[in-house]
């Protein structure tokens, strides 16, 4: 594997954030992309975002299913009200081909020493959150042949290092810093959310993995989030979803 892979998770139908991150990645030499689930949900541009992901997959990108993607063809009974309302609205904005694309996505994919998943390698169909070192340990144990595992789902960025016995070490990455992730140990990168940040910063998030150099860089990208929020309100989606975009809360 000799690629620079842009890792994007939780796009959530946010076209402005998605395009801003893709443009930033292209400028920095991305040769491939991995879309780590939750392509839809929350935002006002599901069809446009799905079409862009379909094109990326046709060009060789990794694309895995998230719980919001699954819910388009399944149940939303476990979702909070705003999320359920957004999925119900999203269903009516996707055509049969777009819905079939989401439904057919795999829960995970492994390419060489890299493992890609939305939630966790541990019971991925149950959508557990990697929200600490114990959850990270379970993920590492479920993907024993992966040197690098990449996930989303939590909407915040973290990096975990598997140091042997015991719980993994946990790091909060600094945006723009080049982090060595050599194959002398195993790594789990939770890349943050492209389309709905939840750490108090409304900027979009993605990460760039350089497989040849064995480095990982987490990025935050400013975009026109006010436009995104206005489109959510204009679509009649729950107001809290626009507020999240504006505040990163």
C-alpha atoms as a PDB file:
ATOM      1  CA  UNK A   1       0.000   0.000   0.000  1.00  0.00           C
ATOM      2  CA  UNK A   2       1.650   3.162  -1.250  1.00  0.00           C
ATOM      3  CA  UNK A   3      -1.089   5.752  -1.011  1.00  0.00           C
ATOM      4  CA  UNK A   4      -2.111   8.990   0.657  1.00  0.00           C
ATOM      5  CA  UNK A   5      -5.628   8.192   1.863  1.00  0.00           C
ATOM      6  CA  UNK A   6      -8.068  10.918   2.920  1.00  0.00           C
ATOM      7  CA  UNK A   7     -10.271   9.538   5.708  1.00  0.00           C
ATOM      8  CA  UNK A   8     -13.723  11.116   6.027  1.00  0.00           C
ATOM      9  CA  UNK A   9     -16.453   9.990   8.423  1.00  0.00           C
ATOM     10  CA  UNK A  10     -19.922  11.183   9.376  1.00  0.00           C
ATOM     11  CA  UNK A  11     -20.483  13.448   6.381  1.00  0.00           C
ATOM     12  CA  UNK A  12     -24.198  13.497   7.256  1.00  0.00           C
ATOM     13  CA  UNK A  13     -25.499  15.058   4.040  1.00  0.00           C
ATOM     14  CA  UNK A  14     -23.372  18.184   4.582  1.00  0.00           C
ATOM     15  CA  UNK A  15     -22.343  19.051   1.046  1.00  0.00           C
ATOM     16  CA  UNK A  16     -20.378  22.204   1.896  1.00  0.00           C
ATOM     17  CA  UNK A  17     -18.218  20.443   4.503  1.00  0.00           C
ATOM     18  CA  UNK A  18     -17.700  17.408   2.288  1.00  0.00           C
ATOM     19  CA  UNK A  19     -16.558  19.443  -0.700  1.00  0.00           C
ATOM     20  CA  UNK A  20     -14.271  21.584   1.464  1.00  0.00           C
ATOM     21  CA  UNK A  21     -12.535  18.506   2.888  1.00  0.00           C
ATOM     22  CA  UNK A  22     -12.243  16.800  -0.489  1.00  0.00           C
ATOM     23  CA  UNK A  23     -10.705  19.936  -1.999  1.00  0.00           C
ATOM     24  CA  UNK A  24      -8.246  20.275   0.886  1.00  0.00           C
ATOM     25  CA  UNK A  25      -7.249  16.618   0.538  1.00  0.00           C
ATOM     26  CA  UNK A  26      -6.717  16.922  -3.212  1.00  0.00           C
ATOM     27  CA  UNK A  27      -4.488  19.954  -2.693  1.00  0.00           C
ATOM     28  CA  UNK A  28      -2.379  17.884  -0.306  1.00  0.00           C
ATOM     29  CA  UNK A  29      -1.881  15.017  -2.689  1.00  0.00           C
ATOM     30  CA  UNK A  30      -4.569  12.536  -1.726  1.00  0.00           C
ATOM     31  CA  UNK A  31      -4.428   9.559  -4.067  1.00  0.00           C
ATOM     32  CA  UNK A  32      -7.347   7.667  -2.531  1.00  0.00           C
ATOM     33  CA  UNK A  33     -10.311   8.165  -0.211  1.00  0.00           C
ATOM     34  CA  UNK A  34     -12.042   6.218   2.535  1.00  0.00           C
ATOM     35  CA  UNK A  35     -15.587   7.197   3.509  1.00  0.00           C
ATOM     36  CA  UNK A  36     -16.191   5.746   6.956  1.00  0.00           C
ATOM     37  CA  UNK A  37     -19.966   5.684   7.125  1.00  0.00           C
ATOM     38  CA  UNK A  38     -22.908   7.928   7.976  1.00  0.00           C
ATOM     39  CA  UNK A  39     -22.975   9.439   4.541  1.00  0.00           C
ATOM     40  CA  UNK A  40     -26.530  10.670   5.170  1.00  0.00           C
ATOM     41  CA  UNK A  41     -28.632  11.892   8.083  1.00  0.00           C
ATOM     42  CA  UNK A  42     -29.012  15.317   9.727  1.00  0.00           C
ATOM     43  CA  UNK A  43     -28.150  17.471   6.687  1.00  0.00           C
ATOM     44  CA  UNK A  44     -30.064  18.889   3.732  1.00  0.00           C
ATOM     45  CA  UNK A  45     -28.138  17.490   0.743  1.00  0.00           C
ATOM     46  CA  UNK A  46     -28.367  13.687   0.910  1.00  0.00           C
ATOM     47  CA  UNK A  47     -28.735  13.060  -2.831  1.00  0.00           C
ATOM     48  CA  UNK A  48     -25.793  15.248  -3.839  1.00  0.00           C
ATOM     49  CA  UNK A  49     -23.553  13.741  -1.168  1.00  0.00           C
ATOM     50  CA  UNK A  50     -24.505  10.148  -2.045  1.00  0.00           C
ATOM     51  CA  UNK A  51     -23.820  10.827  -5.727  1.00  0.00           C
ATOM     52  CA  UNK A  52     -20.331  12.115  -4.898  1.00  0.00           C
ATOM     53  CA  UNK A  53     -19.637   9.050  -2.762  1.00  0.00           C
ATOM     54  CA  UNK A  54     -20.852   6.750  -5.537  1.00  0.00           C
ATOM     55  CA  UNK A  55     -18.363   8.426  -7.892  1.00  0.00           C
ATOM     56  CA  UNK A  56     -15.537   8.081  -5.381  1.00  0.00           C
ATOM     57  CA  UNK A  57     -16.266   4.386  -4.901  1.00  0.00           C
ATOM     58  CA  UNK A  58     -16.304   3.854  -8.664  1.00  0.00           C
ATOM     59  CA  UNK A  59     -12.788   5.335  -8.687  1.00  0.00           C
ATOM     60  CA  UNK A  60     -11.591   2.875  -6.033  1.00  0.00           C
ATOM     61  CA  UNK A  61     -12.459   4.499  -2.707  1.00  0.00           C
ATOM     62  CA  UNK A  62     -13.235   2.497   0.403  1.00  0.00           C
ATOM     63  CA  UNK A  63     -16.843   3.130   1.467  1.00  0.00           C
ATOM     64  CA  UNK A  64     -18.413   1.461   4.507  1.00  0.00           C
ATOM     65  CA  UNK A  65     -21.889   1.648   5.992  1.00  0.00           C
ATOM     66  CA  UNK A  66     -22.870   3.751   9.002  1.00  0.00           C
ATOM     67  CA  UNK A  67     -25.916   3.392  11.228  1.00  0.00           C
ATOM     68  CA  UNK A  68     -27.690   6.339   9.558  1.00  0.00           C
ATOM     69  CA  UNK A  69     -27.036   4.780   6.157  1.00  0.00           C
ATOM     70  CA  UNK A  70     -28.495   1.502   7.392  1.00  0.00           C
ATOM     71  CA  UNK A  71     -31.534   3.289   8.809  1.00  0.00           C
ATOM     72  CA  UNK A  72     -32.547   4.582   5.374  1.00  0.00           C
ATOM     73  CA  UNK A  73     -33.662   1.043   4.522  1.00  0.00           C
ATOM     74  CA  UNK A  74     -34.248  -0.127   8.080  1.00  0.00           C
ATOM     75  CA  UNK A  75     -35.473   0.929  11.491  1.00  0.00           C
ATOM     76  CA  UNK A  76     -35.044   4.287  13.222  1.00  0.00           C
ATOM     77  CA  UNK A  77     -36.701   3.163  16.450  1.00  0.00           C
ATOM     78  CA  UNK A  78     -33.529   3.603  18.511  1.00  0.00           C
ATOM     79  CA  UNK A  79     -32.755   7.095  17.170  1.00  0.00           C
ATOM     80  CA  UNK A  80     -33.410  10.342  18.997  1.00  0.00           C
ATOM     81  CA  UNK A  81     -36.310  12.382  17.603  1.00  0.00           C
ATOM     82  CA  UNK A  82     -34.217  14.774  15.504  1.00  0.00           C
ATOM     83  CA  UNK A  83     -32.180  11.965  13.949  1.00  0.00           C
ATOM     84  CA  UNK A  84     -35.312   9.932  13.205  1.00  0.00           C
ATOM     85  CA  UNK A  85     -37.027  12.927  11.620  1.00  0.00           C
ATOM     86  CA  UNK A  86     -33.969  13.583   9.449  1.00  0.00           C
ATOM     87  CA  UNK A  87     -33.823   9.985   8.203  1.00  0.00           C
ATOM     88  CA  UNK A  88     -37.547   9.984   7.447  1.00  0.00           C
ATOM     89  CA  UNK A  89     -37.025  13.191   5.436  1.00  0.00           C
ATOM     90  CA  UNK A  90     -33.916  11.773   3.750  1.00  0.00           C
ATOM     91  CA  UNK A  91     -35.738   8.683   2.454  1.00  0.00           C
ATOM     92  CA  UNK A  92     -37.964  10.890   0.343  1.00  0.00           C
ATOM     93  CA  UNK A  93     -34.994  12.722  -1.200  1.00  0.00           C
ATOM     94  CA  UNK A  94     -33.108   9.655  -2.435  1.00  0.00           C
ATOM     95  CA  UNK A  95     -33.980   7.678  -5.519  1.00  0.00           C
ATOM     96  CA  UNK A  96     -34.095   3.880  -5.646  1.00  0.00           C
ATOM     97  CA  UNK A  97     -30.515   3.600  -6.893  1.00  0.00           C
ATOM     98  CA  UNK A  98     -29.131   5.806  -4.151  1.00  0.00           C
ATOM     99  CA  UNK A  99     -31.024   3.894  -1.466  1.00  0.00           C
ATOM    100  CA  UNK A 100     -29.804   0.589  -2.895  1.00  0.00           C
ATOM    101  CA  UNK A 101     -26.223   1.857  -2.855  1.00  0.00           C
ATOM    102  CA  UNK A 102     -26.429   2.668   0.860  1.00  0.00           C
ATOM    103  CA  UNK A 103     -28.135  -0.616   1.673  1.00  0.00           C
ATOM    104  CA  UNK A 104     -25.470  -2.682  -0.110  1.00  0.00           C
ATOM    105  CA  UNK A 105     -22.468  -1.098   1.596  1.00  0.00           C
ATOM    106  CA  UNK A 106     -20.278  -3.371   3.746  1.00  0.00           C
ATOM    107  CA  UNK A 107     -19.888  -2.827   7.479  1.00  0.00           C
ATOM    108  CA  UNK A 108     -16.093  -2.903   7.166  1.00  0.00           C
ATOM    109  CA  UNK A 109     -13.317  -3.374   4.659  1.00  0.00           C
ATOM    110  CA  UNK A 110      -9.680  -4.367   4.998  1.00  0.00           C
ATOM    111  CA  UNK A 111      -7.032  -3.419   2.479  1.00  0.00           C
ATOM    112  CA  UNK A 112      -3.614  -4.774   3.275  1.00  0.00           C
ATOM    113  CA  UNK A 113      -2.732  -3.801   6.845  1.00  0.00           C
ATOM    114  CA  UNK A 114      -5.472  -1.140   7.071  1.00  0.00           C
ATOM    115  CA  UNK A 115      -8.964  -1.844   8.435  1.00  0.00           C
ATOM    116  CA  UNK A 116     -11.846   0.583   7.804  1.00  0.00           C
ATOM    117  CA  UNK A 117     -15.111   0.624   9.792  1.00  0.00           C
ATOM    118  CA  UNK A 118     -17.746   3.118  10.892  1.00  0.00           C
ATOM    119  CA  UNK A 119     -18.121   2.279  14.567  1.00  0.00           C
ATOM    120  CA  UNK A 120     -15.744  -0.458  15.740  1.00  0.00           C
ATOM    121  CA  UNK A 121     -14.247  -3.716  14.536  1.00  0.00           C
ATOM    122  CA  UNK A 122     -15.869  -5.193  17.654  1.00  0.00           C
ATOM    123  CA  UNK A 123     -19.506  -6.070  16.813  1.00  0.00           C
ATOM    124  CA  UNK A 124     -19.698  -3.454  14.034  1.00  0.00           C
ATOM    125  CA  UNK A 125     -23.350  -4.319  13.383  1.00  0.00           C
ATOM    126  CA  UNK A 126     -24.237  -3.056  16.880  1.00  0.00           C
ATOM    127  CA  UNK A 127     -22.601   0.358  16.317  1.00  0.00           C
ATOM    128  CA  UNK A 128     -20.578   0.649  19.550  1.00  0.00           C
ATOM    129  CA  UNK A 129     -18.791   3.924  20.242  1.00  0.00           C
ATOM    130  CA  UNK A 130     -15.026   3.993  20.664  1.00  0.00           C
ATOM    131  CA  UNK A 131     -15.277   6.432  23.537  1.00  0.00           C
ATOM    132  CA  UNK A 132     -12.310   5.409  25.643  1.00  0.00           C
ATOM    133  CA  UNK A 133      -9.422   3.018  26.065  1.00  0.00           C
ATOM    134  CA  UNK A 134     -11.565  -0.001  26.978  1.00  0.00           C
ATOM    135  CA  UNK A 135     -13.670   0.335  23.826  1.00  0.00           C
ATOM    136  CA  UNK A 136     -10.454   0.822  21.855  1.00  0.00           C
ATOM    137  CA  UNK A 137      -9.028  -2.369  23.349  1.00  0.00           C
ATOM    138  CA  UNK A 138     -12.073  -4.342  22.154  1.00  0.00           C
ATOM    139  CA  UNK A 139     -11.668  -2.855  18.683  1.00  0.00           C
ATOM    140  CA  UNK A 140      -7.981  -3.799  18.537  1.00  0.00           C
ATOM    141  CA  UNK A 141      -8.759  -7.357  19.638  1.00  0.00           C
ATOM    142  CA  UNK A 142     -11.393  -7.722  16.923  1.00  0.00           C
ATOM    143  CA  UNK A 143      -8.978  -6.706  14.144  1.00  0.00           C
ATOM    144  CA  UNK A 144      -5.782  -8.540  15.124  1.00  0.00           C
ATOM    145  CA  UNK A 145      -4.286  -8.522  11.630  1.00  0.00           C
ATOM    146  CA  UNK A 146      -4.603  -4.766  11.112  1.00  0.00           C
ATOM    147  CA  UNK A 147      -1.727  -2.412  11.798  1.00  0.00           C
ATOM    148  CA  UNK A 148      -3.975   0.610  11.235  1.00  0.00           C
ATOM    149  CA  UNK A 149      -7.680   0.751  12.005  1.00  0.00           C
ATOM    150  CA  UNK A 150      -9.747   3.811  11.080  1.00  0.00           C
ATOM    151  CA  UNK A 151     -13.234   4.602  12.377  1.00  0.00           C
ATOM    152  CA  UNK A 152     -15.736   7.393  12.892  1.00  0.00           C
ATOM    153  CA  UNK A 153     -19.111   7.439  14.689  1.00  0.00           C
ATOM    154  CA  UNK A 154     -18.110   9.451  17.787  1.00  0.00           C
ATOM    155  CA  UNK A 155     -17.859  12.800  15.932  1.00  0.00           C
ATOM    156  CA  UNK A 156     -14.648  13.618  17.819  1.00  0.00           C
ATOM    157  CA  UNK A 157     -11.046  12.820  16.895  1.00  0.00           C
ATOM    158  CA  UNK A 158      -8.868  10.461  18.941  1.00  0.00           C
ATOM    159  CA  UNK A 159      -5.816   8.316  18.347  1.00  0.00           C
ATOM    160  CA  UNK A 160      -5.110   5.108  20.239  1.00  0.00           C
ATOM    161  CA  UNK A 161      -1.842   3.171  20.322  1.00  0.00           C
ATOM    162  CA  UNK A 162      -1.741  -0.535  21.133  1.00  0.00           C
ATOM    163  CA  UNK A 163       1.306  -0.999  23.339  1.00  0.00           C
ATOM    164  CA  UNK A 164       0.867  -4.652  24.232  1.00  0.00           C
ATOM    165  CA  UNK A 165      -0.889  -5.962  27.311  1.00  0.00           C
ATOM    166  CA  UNK A 166      -3.363  -3.674  29.030  1.00  0.00           C
ATOM    167  CA  UNK A 167      -5.416  -0.776  27.781  1.00  0.00           C
ATOM    168  CA  UNK A 168      -4.227   1.261  24.802  1.00  0.00           C
ATOM    169  CA  UNK A 169      -2.748   4.707  25.198  1.00  0.00           C
ATOM    170  CA  UNK A 170      -5.070   7.553  24.210  1.00  0.00           C
ATOM    171  CA  UNK A 171      -4.103  10.783  22.439  1.00  0.00           C
ATOM    172  CA  UNK A 172      -6.124  13.841  21.466  1.00  0.00           C
ATOM    173  CA  UNK A 173      -4.533  14.887  18.166  1.00  0.00           C
ATOM    174  CA  UNK A 174      -3.565  18.464  17.358  1.00  0.00           C
ATOM    175  CA  UNK A 175      -4.907  19.523  13.976  1.00  0.00           C
ATOM    176  CA  UNK A 176      -2.194  19.810  11.339  1.00  0.00           C
ATOM    177  CA  UNK A 177       0.453  17.919  13.298  1.00  0.00           C
ATOM    178  CA  UNK A 178       2.210  15.046  11.546  1.00  0.00           C
ATOM    179  CA  UNK A 179       1.962  11.959  13.748  1.00  0.00           C
ATOM    180  CA  UNK A 180       4.277   8.985  13.118  1.00  0.00           C
ATOM    181  CA  UNK A 181       2.222   5.776  13.107  1.00  0.00           C
ATOM    182  CA  UNK A 182       4.879   3.214  12.321  1.00  0.00           C
ATOM    183  CA  UNK A 183       4.128  -0.463  11.941  1.00  0.00           C
ATOM    184  CA  UNK A 184       6.205  -1.331  15.008  1.00  0.00           C
ATOM    185  CA  UNK A 185       2.912  -1.001  16.902  1.00  0.00           C
ATOM    186  CA  UNK A 186      -0.809  -0.961  16.098  1.00  0.00           C
ATOM    187  CA  UNK A 187      -2.946   2.161  15.772  1.00  0.00           C
ATOM    188  CA  UNK A 188      -6.607   3.139  15.900  1.00  0.00           C
ATOM    189  CA  UNK A 189      -7.562   6.514  14.471  1.00  0.00           C
ATOM    190  CA  UNK A 190     -11.044   7.902  15.129  1.00  0.00           C
ATOM    191  CA  UNK A 191     -11.101  10.663  12.568  1.00  0.00           C
ATOM    192  CA  UNK A 192     -13.812  13.069  13.751  1.00  0.00           C
ATOM    193  CA  UNK A 193     -16.851  14.215  11.779  1.00  0.00           C
ATOM    194  CA  UNK A 194     -16.735  15.884   8.404  1.00  0.00           C
ATOM    195  CA  UNK A 195     -20.345  17.004   8.528  1.00  0.00           C
ATOM    196  CA  UNK A 196     -21.356  17.541  12.149  1.00  0.00           C
ATOM    197  CA  UNK A 197     -18.589  18.377  14.603  1.00  0.00           C
ATOM    198  CA  UNK A 198     -19.384  17.996  18.308  1.00  0.00           C
ATOM    199  CA  UNK A 199     -16.317  19.392  20.053  1.00  0.00           C
ATOM    200  CA  UNK A 200     -17.274  23.060  20.133  1.00  0.00           C
ATOM    201  CA  UNK A 201     -15.538  23.838  16.835  1.00  0.00           C
ATOM    202  CA  UNK A 202     -17.871  24.014  13.799  1.00  0.00           C
ATOM    203  CA  UNK A 203     -15.052  23.317  11.334  1.00  0.00           C
ATOM    204  CA  UNK A 204     -15.175  20.103   9.318  1.00  0.00           C
ATOM    205  CA  UNK A 205     -12.819  17.263  10.220  1.00  0.00           C
ATOM    206  CA  UNK A 206     -10.956  14.625   8.264  1.00  0.00           C
ATOM    207  CA  UNK A 207      -7.577  12.876   8.447  1.00  0.00           C
ATOM    208  CA  UNK A 208      -4.850  12.019   5.942  1.00  0.00           C
ATOM    209  CA  UNK A 209      -2.999   8.724   6.203  1.00  0.00           C
ATOM    210  CA  UNK A 210       0.260   8.442   4.306  1.00  0.00           C
ATOM    211  CA  UNK A 211       0.785   4.696   3.986  1.00  0.00           C
ATOM    212  CA  UNK A 212       4.310   4.988   2.592  1.00  0.00           C
ATOM    213  CA  UNK A 213       5.598   7.465   5.180  1.00  0.00           C
ATOM    214  CA  UNK A 214       3.485   5.826   7.932  1.00  0.00           C
ATOM    215  CA  UNK A 215       2.122   9.142   9.175  1.00  0.00           C
ATOM    216  CA  UNK A 216      -1.316  10.448  10.084  1.00  0.00           C
ATOM    217  CA  UNK A 217      -2.479  14.073  10.089  1.00  0.00           C
ATOM    218  CA  UNK A 218      -5.814  15.190  11.525  1.00  0.00           C
ATOM    219  CA  UNK A 219      -7.236  18.288   9.828  1.00  0.00           C
ATOM    220  CA  UNK A 220      -9.901  20.885  10.661  1.00  0.00           C
ATOM    221  CA  UNK A 221     -11.301  22.762   7.689  1.00  0.00           C
ATOM    222  CA  UNK A 222     -13.328  25.961   7.809  1.00  0.00           C
ATOM    223  CA  UNK A 223     -16.329  26.007   5.468  1.00  0.00           C
ATOM    224  CA  UNK A 224     -19.544  27.961   4.997  1.00  0.00           C
ATOM    225  CA  UNK A 225     -21.372  26.343   7.910  1.00  0.00           C
ATOM    226  CA  UNK A 226     -23.861  29.210   8.060  1.00  0.00           C
ATOM    227  CA  UNK A 227     -25.029  28.265   4.566  1.00  0.00           C
ATOM    228  CA  UNK A 228     -25.346  24.644   5.635  1.00  0.00           C
ATOM    229  CA  UNK A 229     -27.397  25.628   8.682  1.00  0.00           C
ATOM    230  CA  UNK A 230     -29.652  27.847   6.563  1.00  0.00           C
ATOM    231  CA  UNK A 231     -30.314  24.968   4.161  1.00  0.00           C
ATOM    232  CA  UNK A 232     -31.275  22.707   7.082  1.00  0.00           C
ATOM    233  CA  UNK A 233     -33.788  25.269   8.315  1.00  0.00           C
ATOM    234  CA  UNK A 234     -35.145  25.893   4.809  1.00  0.00           C
ATOM    235  CA  UNK A 235     -35.700  22.143   4.382  1.00  0.00           C
ATOM    236  CA  UNK A 236     -37.868  22.074   7.501  1.00  0.00           C
ATOM    237  CA  UNK A 237     -35.526  19.760   9.372  1.00  0.00           C
ATOM    238  CA  UNK A 238     -35.340  20.021  13.182  1.00  0.00           C
ATOM    239  CA  UNK A 239     -33.849  23.350  14.275  1.00  0.00           C
ATOM    240  CA  UNK A 240     -31.419  21.643  16.651  1.00  0.00           C
ATOM    241  CA  UNK A 241     -29.586  20.205  13.634  1.00  0.00           C
ATOM    242  CA  UNK A 242     -28.891  23.710  12.299  1.00  0.00           C
ATOM    243  CA  UNK A 243     -27.791  24.823  15.759  1.00  0.00           C
ATOM    244  CA  UNK A 244     -25.293  21.949  15.937  1.00  0.00           C
ATOM    245  CA  UNK A 245     -23.779  23.001  12.618  1.00  0.00           C
ATOM    246  CA  UNK A 246     -23.445  26.593  13.769  1.00  0.00           C
ATOM    247  CA  UNK A 247     -21.921  25.816  17.155  1.00  0.00           C
ATOM    248  CA  UNK A 248     -20.144  22.488  16.713  1.00  0.00           C
ATOM    249  CA  UNK A 249     -21.977  21.310  19.825  1.00  0.00           C
END
